[in-house]
Amino acid sequence: MPESCSSNALNGCSPCGPNLSLFALSASTSQGKVGYGCLSGSSNDRYARKSGGGGRSSSNSDNFICENVTATYSYSSNESYSYLVDKFGIIAIGINANIYMTRKFSGSVGCEEPTDVSGDDDYSYKSIAKKTSCEEDQVNENGSPIQNLPGNLYCTPSPNQNCTLNTSCTTSTSQSFSASYSYFEGYWNSGSLSRNINIALIDEKNLQFFYDLCRSSVDTKIGLLEANQPQNCAGSTCGEGKDACWGAAGSFSIADNNLDDPNAASTISQKLKFKIATLKEGFDKTYQSVSGKVKFYIPSEEDIEEGRTPCCNSDFSGTVVKEAGYSISAGSTFKDDYLASDAGDFDNSDQSAVGQIILTCATIDSVSFI
């Protein structure tokens, strides 16, 4: 029996080696842009942090219920989004919020024997965003949670309001207005209102940021699939055996990550990993090793009609997108019945073949016999 079998010719169809099979893992993650939107609502830009502060005061005098009370509110808030990829490769997004408000009031109520009223109330709210997708948001409240902050934080029509928002993405604004009123409907009522609010957005998160999150997510998912470890909070796996997640490789296409679209509001990351394998039974009785290349290709219409591949046909007219070397020898087993070698991977960071169907084949460049 010869010691080896090799050729400079295309030999993907060579009968001198063992039968080969391709296996693959694949994972993908998509994510939309999440964060605080532009104050003008004019685009899909998103920001990770929002801060604001201000105050509101009101007073009224009503001779029907004999009330004369002045109330002053002040508040401040610091809020931020947190973005993380948890141990399952799931993107967990939450909000860290610290909001504080104080109300002070004074005056009198009642007609025959007016009662002086005065006091102050403090309200604070703090939330801590989730650390993994399995956890609920952790919330810590002090005092009463704030139900209604004083005044709209965005520009809305109001008397004498000094506030303009243009059609571009506005990230900071201030509002202020004051008004007074009096009217008579069987009794008189008069009062005044004033408000001053400032709000700002910082730390823009563009689509590349969310794509990078998706890539981290996909890398984590692929690692879990390779080891057949739990993939979610419920502990789901692919079944028995360390290689249970690997399946037969077929054709695939590259997903558009949208990074070249300035108006895109979401992105996706995709990754595939390949192994080439041969049945263990009989291999170690005949062969020492087999090596060659796995080729990833896009066939032309003529290639499809003629059944041509870049591994077997010198007149192949399509495009070889990528190739990866492999070498299989006796050693650790794959899926119990196979011996295998890594055979490359793919991700959609390279967008040159987006949307096209990619096929695979393998050459056998060298076989060593026992």
Protein backbone atom coordinates (compact mmCIF):
# COMPACT_ATOMS: atom_id res chain seq x y z
CA MET A 1 0.00 0.00 0.00
CA PRO A 2 1.44 3.45 -0.87
CA GLU A 3 2.61 5.68 1.93
CA SER A 4 0.71 8.70 0.65
CA CYS A 5 -1.58 9.94 -2.07
CA SER A 6 -1.34 13.54 -3.27
CA SER A 7 -1.72 15.56 -6.43
CA ASN A 8 -1.39 19.10 -7.64
CA ALA A 9 -4.65 18.70 -9.55
CA LEU A 10 -8.05 19.47 -8.10
CA ASN A 11 -8.84 16.33 -6.14
CA GLY A 12 -11.93 17.02 -4.09
CA CYS A 13 -13.47 13.99 -5.76
CA SER A 14 -10.42 11.79 -5.22
CA PRO A 15 -11.30 8.24 -4.18
CA CYS A 16 -8.02 7.72 -2.36
CA GLY A 17 -9.18 9.20 0.94
CA PRO A 18 -11.94 8.49 3.45
CA ASN A 19 -15.43 9.91 3.11
CA LEU A 20 -15.74 13.37 4.62
CA SER A 21 -18.69 15.20 6.16
CA LEU A 22 -19.08 18.87 7.08
CA PHE A 23 -20.71 19.97 10.34
CA ALA A 24 -21.63 23.47 11.50
CA LEU A 25 -22.78 25.62 14.40
CA SER A 26 -24.56 28.91 13.84
CA ALA A 27 -25.83 31.72 15.99
CA SER A 28 -27.20 35.20 15.42
CA THR A 29 -28.36 38.12 17.51
CA SER A 30 -30.33 41.16 16.41
CA GLN A 31 -30.82 44.34 18.37
CA GLY A 32 -32.57 47.63 17.83
CA LYS A 33 -31.23 50.96 19.02
CA VAL A 34 -32.33 51.46 22.62
CA GLY A 35 -31.82 54.57 24.71
CA TYR A 36 -33.21 58.02 25.28
CA GLY A 37 -34.57 59.53 22.09
CA CYS A 38 -33.99 63.01 20.78
CA LEU A 39 -36.00 65.60 22.63
CA SER A 40 -37.47 66.76 19.33
CA GLY A 41 -38.40 63.20 18.38
CA SER A 42 -36.93 63.90 14.95
CA SER A 43 -34.64 60.91 14.41
CA ASN A 44 -33.80 57.43 15.69
CA ASP A 45 -30.61 58.61 17.44
CA ARG A 46 -30.31 57.19 20.94
CA TYR A 47 -28.41 58.31 24.03
CA ALA A 48 -27.34 56.43 27.14
CA ARG A 49 -27.69 59.18 29.73
CA LYS A 50 -30.28 61.78 30.61
CA SER A 51 -30.09 64.39 33.32
CA GLY A 52 -32.50 67.10 34.29
CA GLY A 53 -33.57 69.47 36.99
CA GLY A 54 -35.86 72.35 37.65
CA GLY A 55 -38.78 73.55 39.61
CA ARG A 56 -42.40 74.60 39.54
CA SER A 57 -44.39 76.91 41.74
CA SER A 58 -48.07 77.66 41.91
CA SER A 59 -50.31 79.80 44.09
CA ASN A 60 -54.03 80.35 44.17
CA SER A 61 -56.62 82.35 46.03
CA ASP A 62 -60.21 81.14 45.95
CA ASN A 63 -62.94 82.94 47.89
CA PHE A 64 -65.43 80.10 47.40
CA ILE A 65 -63.47 77.56 49.39
CA CYS A 66 -61.39 80.23 51.12
CA GLU A 67 -58.05 78.77 50.19
CA ASN A 68 -54.80 80.62 49.75
CA VAL A 69 -51.93 78.18 49.27
CA THR A 70 -48.55 78.44 47.58
CA ALA A 71 -46.64 75.30 46.60
CA THR A 72 -43.10 75.04 45.28
CA TYR A 73 -41.62 71.91 43.72
CA SER A 74 -37.99 71.23 42.91
CA TYR A 75 -36.57 68.11 41.36
CA SER A 76 -33.45 66.56 39.89
CA SER A 77 -32.93 63.35 37.97
CA ASN A 78 -30.01 61.34 36.65
CA GLU A 79 -30.90 58.36 34.54
CA SER A 80 -28.84 56.04 32.37
CA TYR A 81 -29.23 52.91 30.30
CA SER A 82 -27.00 49.92 30.98
CA TYR A 83 -26.14 47.49 28.20
CA LEU A 84 -24.59 44.11 28.89
CA VAL A 85 -24.25 40.66 27.41
CA ASP A 86 -25.01 38.06 30.04
CA LYS A 87 -23.54 34.59 30.44
CA PHE A 88 -26.05 33.16 27.97
CA GLY A 89 -25.21 35.66 25.28
CA ILE A 90 -28.48 37.50 25.84
CA ILE A 91 -28.35 41.27 25.63
CA ALA A 92 -29.84 42.64 28.86
CA ILE A 93 -30.75 46.31 28.81
CA GLY A 94 -31.96 48.18 31.87
CA ILE A 95 -32.18 51.64 33.37
CA ASN A 96 -30.38 53.06 36.38
CA ALA A 97 -32.46 55.93 37.74
CA ASN A 98 -32.06 58.36 40.60
CA ILE A 99 -34.90 60.86 40.89
CA TYR A 100 -35.51 63.25 43.74
CA MET A 101 -38.29 65.77 44.32
CA THR A 102 -39.22 68.11 47.16
CA ARG A 103 -42.53 69.93 47.64
CA LYS A 104 -42.91 72.81 50.06
CA PHE A 105 -46.28 74.41 50.68
CA SER A 106 -47.73 77.10 52.94
CA GLY A 107 -50.90 79.13 53.29
CA SER A 108 -54.33 78.84 54.83
CA VAL A 109 -57.60 77.06 54.10
CA GLY A 110 -61.11 77.54 55.45
CA CYS A 111 -63.42 80.60 55.68
CA GLU A 112 -64.72 81.14 59.20
CA GLU A 113 -61.63 79.98 61.01
CA PRO A 114 -58.77 79.79 58.52
CA THR A 115 -56.23 77.09 59.28
CA ASP A 116 -52.60 77.68 58.53
CA VAL A 117 -51.01 74.89 56.51
CA SER A 118 -47.35 74.39 55.79
CA GLY A 119 -44.94 71.56 55.35
CA ASP A 120 -42.69 69.79 52.95
CA ASP A 121 -42.57 66.37 51.32
CA ASP A 122 -39.56 64.56 49.97
CA TYR A 123 -39.88 61.92 47.29
CA SER A 124 -37.03 59.84 45.96
CA TYR A 125 -36.76 56.88 43.65
CA LYS A 126 -33.79 54.73 42.79
CA SER A 127 -33.65 51.75 40.49
CA ILE A 128 -30.73 49.48 39.64
CA ALA A 129 -30.85 47.75 36.27
CA LYS A 130 -30.74 43.99 35.92
CA LYS A 131 -27.34 42.29 35.88
CA THR A 132 -28.42 39.23 33.85
CA SER A 133 -31.43 38.38 31.73
CA CYS A 134 -32.58 35.96 34.44
CA GLU A 135 -33.02 38.69 37.03
CA GLU A 136 -35.75 41.19 37.47
CA ASP A 137 -34.75 44.84 37.72
CA GLN A 138 -33.64 45.54 41.27
CA VAL A 139 -35.54 48.50 42.68
CA ASN A 140 -34.78 50.41 45.83
CA GLU A 141 -37.33 53.02 46.86
CA ASN A 142 -36.98 55.61 49.59
CA GLY A 143 -40.11 57.48 50.57
CA SER A 144 -42.92 57.45 48.05
CA PRO A 145 -42.21 56.74 44.39
CA ILE A 146 -42.70 59.74 42.19
CA GLN A 147 -45.85 59.35 40.14
CA ASN A 148 -45.82 62.63 38.26
CA LEU A 149 -42.78 64.79 37.80
CA PRO A 150 -43.55 68.50 37.75
CA GLY A 151 -44.30 69.45 34.19
CA ASN A 152 -43.65 67.99 30.81
CA LEU A 153 -39.93 67.59 30.16
CA TYR A 154 -40.41 68.28 26.47
CA CYS A 155 -41.57 71.36 24.68
CA THR A 156 -45.34 71.66 24.63
CA PRO A 157 -47.54 74.68 23.99
CA SER A 158 -47.92 76.64 27.20
CA PRO A 159 -48.63 80.28 28.02
CA ASN A 160 -45.61 82.50 27.46
CA GLN A 161 -43.36 79.47 27.13
CA ASN A 162 -39.83 80.19 26.01
CA CYS A 163 -38.91 76.98 24.23
CA THR A 164 -38.07 76.09 20.66
CA LEU A 165 -37.15 72.73 19.20
CA ASN A 166 -35.93 72.41 15.63
CA THR A 167 -36.25 69.46 13.28
CA SER A 168 -32.75 68.13 13.96
CA CYS A 169 -31.92 65.88 16.89
CA THR A 170 -32.16 68.15 19.91
CA THR A 171 -30.17 66.87 22.89
CA SER A 172 -30.66 69.68 25.36
CA THR A 173 -33.36 72.19 26.07
CA SER A 174 -34.72 74.46 28.73
CA GLN A 175 -38.31 75.37 29.36
CA SER A 176 -39.63 78.28 31.29
CA PHE A 177 -43.00 79.91 31.43
CA SER A 178 -45.13 81.90 33.77
CA ALA A 179 -48.78 82.78 33.71
CA SER A 180 -51.34 84.42 35.93
CA TYR A 181 -55.09 84.15 35.87
CA SER A 182 -58.26 85.45 37.46
CA TYR A 183 -61.86 84.83 36.66
CA PHE A 184 -65.34 85.19 38.15
CA GLU A 185 -67.99 82.48 37.98
CA GLY A 186 -70.14 83.17 41.00
CA TYR A 187 -66.93 83.52 42.96
CA TRP A 188 -63.51 84.83 42.17
CA ASN A 189 -60.38 82.80 41.69
CA SER A 190 -56.91 84.04 40.93
CA GLY A 191 -53.48 82.56 40.89
CA SER A 192 -50.13 82.20 39.17
CA LEU A 193 -48.04 79.41 37.68
CA SER A 194 -44.37 79.26 36.80
CA ARG A 195 -42.03 76.53 35.67
CA ASN A 196 -38.37 76.15 34.80
CA ILE A 197 -36.91 72.88 33.55
CA ASN A 198 -33.58 71.90 31.99
CA ILE A 199 -32.86 68.55 30.43
CA ALA A 200 -29.88 67.14 28.51
CA LEU A 201 -28.94 63.90 26.74
CA ILE A 202 -25.35 62.67 26.45
CA ASP A 203 -23.38 59.60 25.32
CA GLU A 204 -24.83 58.80 21.92
CA LYS A 205 -25.04 55.09 21.10
CA ASN A 206 -24.71 54.56 17.36
CA LEU A 207 -25.50 51.41 15.40
CA GLN A 208 -21.88 50.22 15.60
CA PHE A 209 -22.22 50.11 19.40
CA PHE A 210 -25.24 47.81 19.15
CA TYR A 211 -23.54 45.69 16.48
CA ASP A 212 -20.58 45.20 18.82
CA LEU A 213 -23.01 44.09 21.53
CA CYS A 214 -24.50 41.61 19.07
CA ARG A 215 -21.05 40.28 18.13
CA SER A 216 -20.21 39.72 21.79
CA SER A 217 -23.56 37.99 22.21
CA VAL A 218 -22.94 35.69 19.23
CA ASP A 219 -19.42 34.78 20.39
CA THR A 220 -20.85 33.79 23.78
CA LYS A 221 -23.64 31.76 22.16
CA ILE A 222 -21.19 29.91 19.90
CA GLY A 223 -19.01 29.06 22.90
CA LEU A 224 -22.00 27.59 24.74
CA LEU A 225 -23.02 25.57 21.67
CA GLU A 226 -19.49 24.19 21.22
CA ALA A 227 -19.50 22.86 24.77
CA ASN A 228 -23.25 22.08 24.84
CA GLN A 229 -23.69 24.14 27.97
CA PRO A 230 -27.00 25.66 29.17
CA GLN A 231 -28.17 28.33 26.74
CA ASN A 232 -30.81 30.15 28.78
CA CYS A 233 -32.25 30.72 32.23
CA ALA A 234 -34.20 27.47 31.99
CA GLY A 235 -30.97 25.48 31.50
CA SER A 236 -31.81 24.22 28.00
CA THR A 237 -29.13 22.31 26.09
CA CYS A 238 -28.96 20.52 22.74
CA GLY A 239 -29.25 17.07 24.33
CA GLU A 240 -26.78 14.39 25.36
CA GLY A 241 -23.11 14.55 24.49
CA LYS A 242 -20.59 17.37 24.29
CA ASP A 243 -21.01 17.74 20.51
CA ALA A 244 -24.79 17.50 20.40
CA CYS A 245 -25.22 21.04 19.04
CA TRP A 246 -23.27 20.39 15.85
CA GLY A 247 -25.44 19.64 12.82
CA ALA A 248 -24.86 18.82 9.17
CA ALA A 249 -23.55 21.85 7.26
CA GLY A 250 -25.56 23.16 4.36
CA SER A 251 -25.71 26.29 2.28
CA PHE A 252 -25.99 29.62 4.07
CA SER A 253 -26.16 33.35 3.39
CA ILE A 254 -24.63 36.39 5.05
CA ALA A 255 -27.04 38.72 6.88
CA ASP A 256 -26.97 42.47 6.28
CA ASN A 257 -25.71 44.23 9.41
CA ASN A 258 -27.12 47.62 8.26
CA LEU A 259 -23.97 49.49 9.27
CA ASP A 260 -23.86 51.27 5.93
CA ASP A 261 -27.42 52.58 6.33
CA PRO A 262 -27.49 55.91 8.20
CA ASN A 263 -31.23 55.54 8.82
CA ALA A 264 -31.15 51.97 10.14
CA ALA A 265 -32.63 51.45 13.59
CA SER A 266 -31.46 47.85 14.15
CA THR A 267 -28.56 45.53 13.37
CA ILE A 268 -27.73 41.83 13.41
CA SER A 269 -24.57 39.82 14.01
CA GLN A 270 -24.16 36.31 12.66
CA LYS A 271 -21.49 33.64 13.07
CA LEU A 272 -21.00 30.13 11.74
CA LYS A 273 -18.31 27.65 12.73
CA PHE A 274 -17.39 24.52 10.78
CA LYS A 275 -15.80 21.13 11.34
CA ILE A 276 -14.92 18.48 8.79
CA ALA A 277 -15.08 14.89 9.96
CA THR A 278 -14.74 11.27 8.92
CA LEU A 279 -16.14 8.13 10.52
CA LYS A 280 -13.80 6.83 13.18
CA GLU A 281 -14.55 3.19 12.40
CA GLY A 282 -11.87 1.88 10.05
CA PHE A 283 -9.93 5.16 9.84
CA ASP A 284 -7.23 4.14 12.31
CA LYS A 285 -6.83 0.80 10.53
CA THR A 286 -6.06 2.39 7.18
CA TYR A 287 -4.98 6.00 7.55
CA GLN A 288 -2.58 8.07 9.58
CA SER A 289 -4.00 11.39 8.41
CA VAL A 290 -5.92 13.18 5.71
CA SER A 291 -5.60 16.89 4.95
CA GLY A 292 -6.84 19.45 2.46
CA LYS A 293 -8.95 22.57 2.23
CA VAL A 294 -12.57 23.46 2.82
CA LYS A 295 -13.73 26.01 0.27
CA PHE A 296 -16.66 28.38 0.68
CA TYR A 297 -17.95 29.51 -2.70
CA ILE A 298 -20.68 31.22 -4.67
CA PRO A 299 -21.37 29.31 -7.90
CA SER A 300 -22.28 30.92 -11.18
CA GLU A 301 -25.46 29.92 -12.97
CA GLU A 302 -23.36 27.79 -15.31
CA ASP A 303 -21.68 26.07 -12.33
CA ILE A 304 -25.09 25.21 -10.91
CA GLU A 305 -26.32 23.87 -14.23
CA GLU A 306 -23.18 21.78 -14.76
CA GLY A 307 -22.74 20.74 -11.13
CA ARG A 308 -19.25 22.27 -10.95
CA THR A 309 -17.38 23.07 -7.72
CA PRO A 310 -14.02 24.74 -7.08
CA CYS A 311 -12.86 21.54 -5.38
CA CYS A 312 -13.34 19.23 -8.35
CA ASN A 313 -13.55 21.27 -11.53
CA SER A 314 -10.87 23.41 -13.15
CA ASP A 315 -13.51 25.22 -15.22
CA PHE A 316 -15.38 26.46 -12.14
CA SER A 317 -16.46 30.05 -12.95
CA GLY A 318 -17.94 31.24 -9.65
CA THR A 319 -16.27 32.92 -6.69
CA VAL A 320 -14.34 31.32 -3.83
CA VAL A 321 -15.18 33.54 -0.89
CA LYS A 322 -12.94 31.88 1.68
CA GLU A 323 -10.99 28.69 2.31
CA ALA A 324 -9.67 26.96 5.42
CA GLY A 325 -7.09 24.19 5.76
CA TYR A 326 -7.80 21.03 7.75
CA SER A 327 -5.98 17.93 8.92
CA ILE A 328 -7.65 14.89 10.45
CA SER A 329 -5.76 12.22 12.35
CA ALA A 330 -6.55 9.61 14.96
CA GLY A 331 -7.20 11.18 18.34
CA SER A 332 -10.09 12.62 20.28
CA THR A 333 -13.48 11.72 18.92
CA PHE A 334 -16.25 13.99 17.66
CA LYS A 335 -19.91 13.12 18.19
CA ASP A 336 -18.68 9.70 19.40
CA ASP A 337 -18.52 8.25 15.88
CA TYR A 338 -16.20 10.68 14.08
CA LEU A 339 -12.73 12.12 14.00
CA ALA A 340 -12.74 15.78 13.10
CA SER A 341 -10.79 18.95 12.42
CA ASP A 342 -11.75 22.61 12.64
CA ALA A 343 -12.64 23.93 9.21
CA GLY A 344 -12.94 27.68 9.53
CA ASP A 345 -15.67 30.11 10.49
CA PHE A 346 -17.72 32.92 9.02
CA ASP A 347 -19.28 36.08 10.36
CA ASN A 348 -21.09 38.99 8.80
CA SER A 349 -18.53 41.66 9.62
CA ASP A 350 -17.46 41.22 5.98
CA GLN A 351 -20.45 42.36 3.93
CA SER A 352 -19.02 41.66 0.48
CA ALA A 353 -21.28 38.62 -0.07
CA VAL A 354 -24.45 39.82 1.70
CA GLY A 355 -27.57 37.98 0.64
CA GLN A 356 -25.83 35.50 -1.67
CA ILE A 357 -26.07 31.74 -1.18
CA ILE A 358 -22.71 30.27 -0.13
CA LEU A 359 -21.90 26.58 -0.62
CA THR A 360 -19.05 24.43 0.71
CA CYS A 361 -16.83 21.68 -0.62
CA ALA A 362 -13.56 20.05 0.44
CA THR A 363 -10.38 19.02 -1.31
CA ILE A 364 -8.26 16.06 -0.27
CA ASP A 365 -4.70 17.23 -0.84
CA SER A 366 -2.79 14.59 1.07
CA VAL A 367 -3.52 11.17 2.57
CA SER A 368 -1.05 9.23 4.69
CA PHE A 369 -1.65 5.52 5.07
CA ILE A 370 -0.51 3.24 7.85
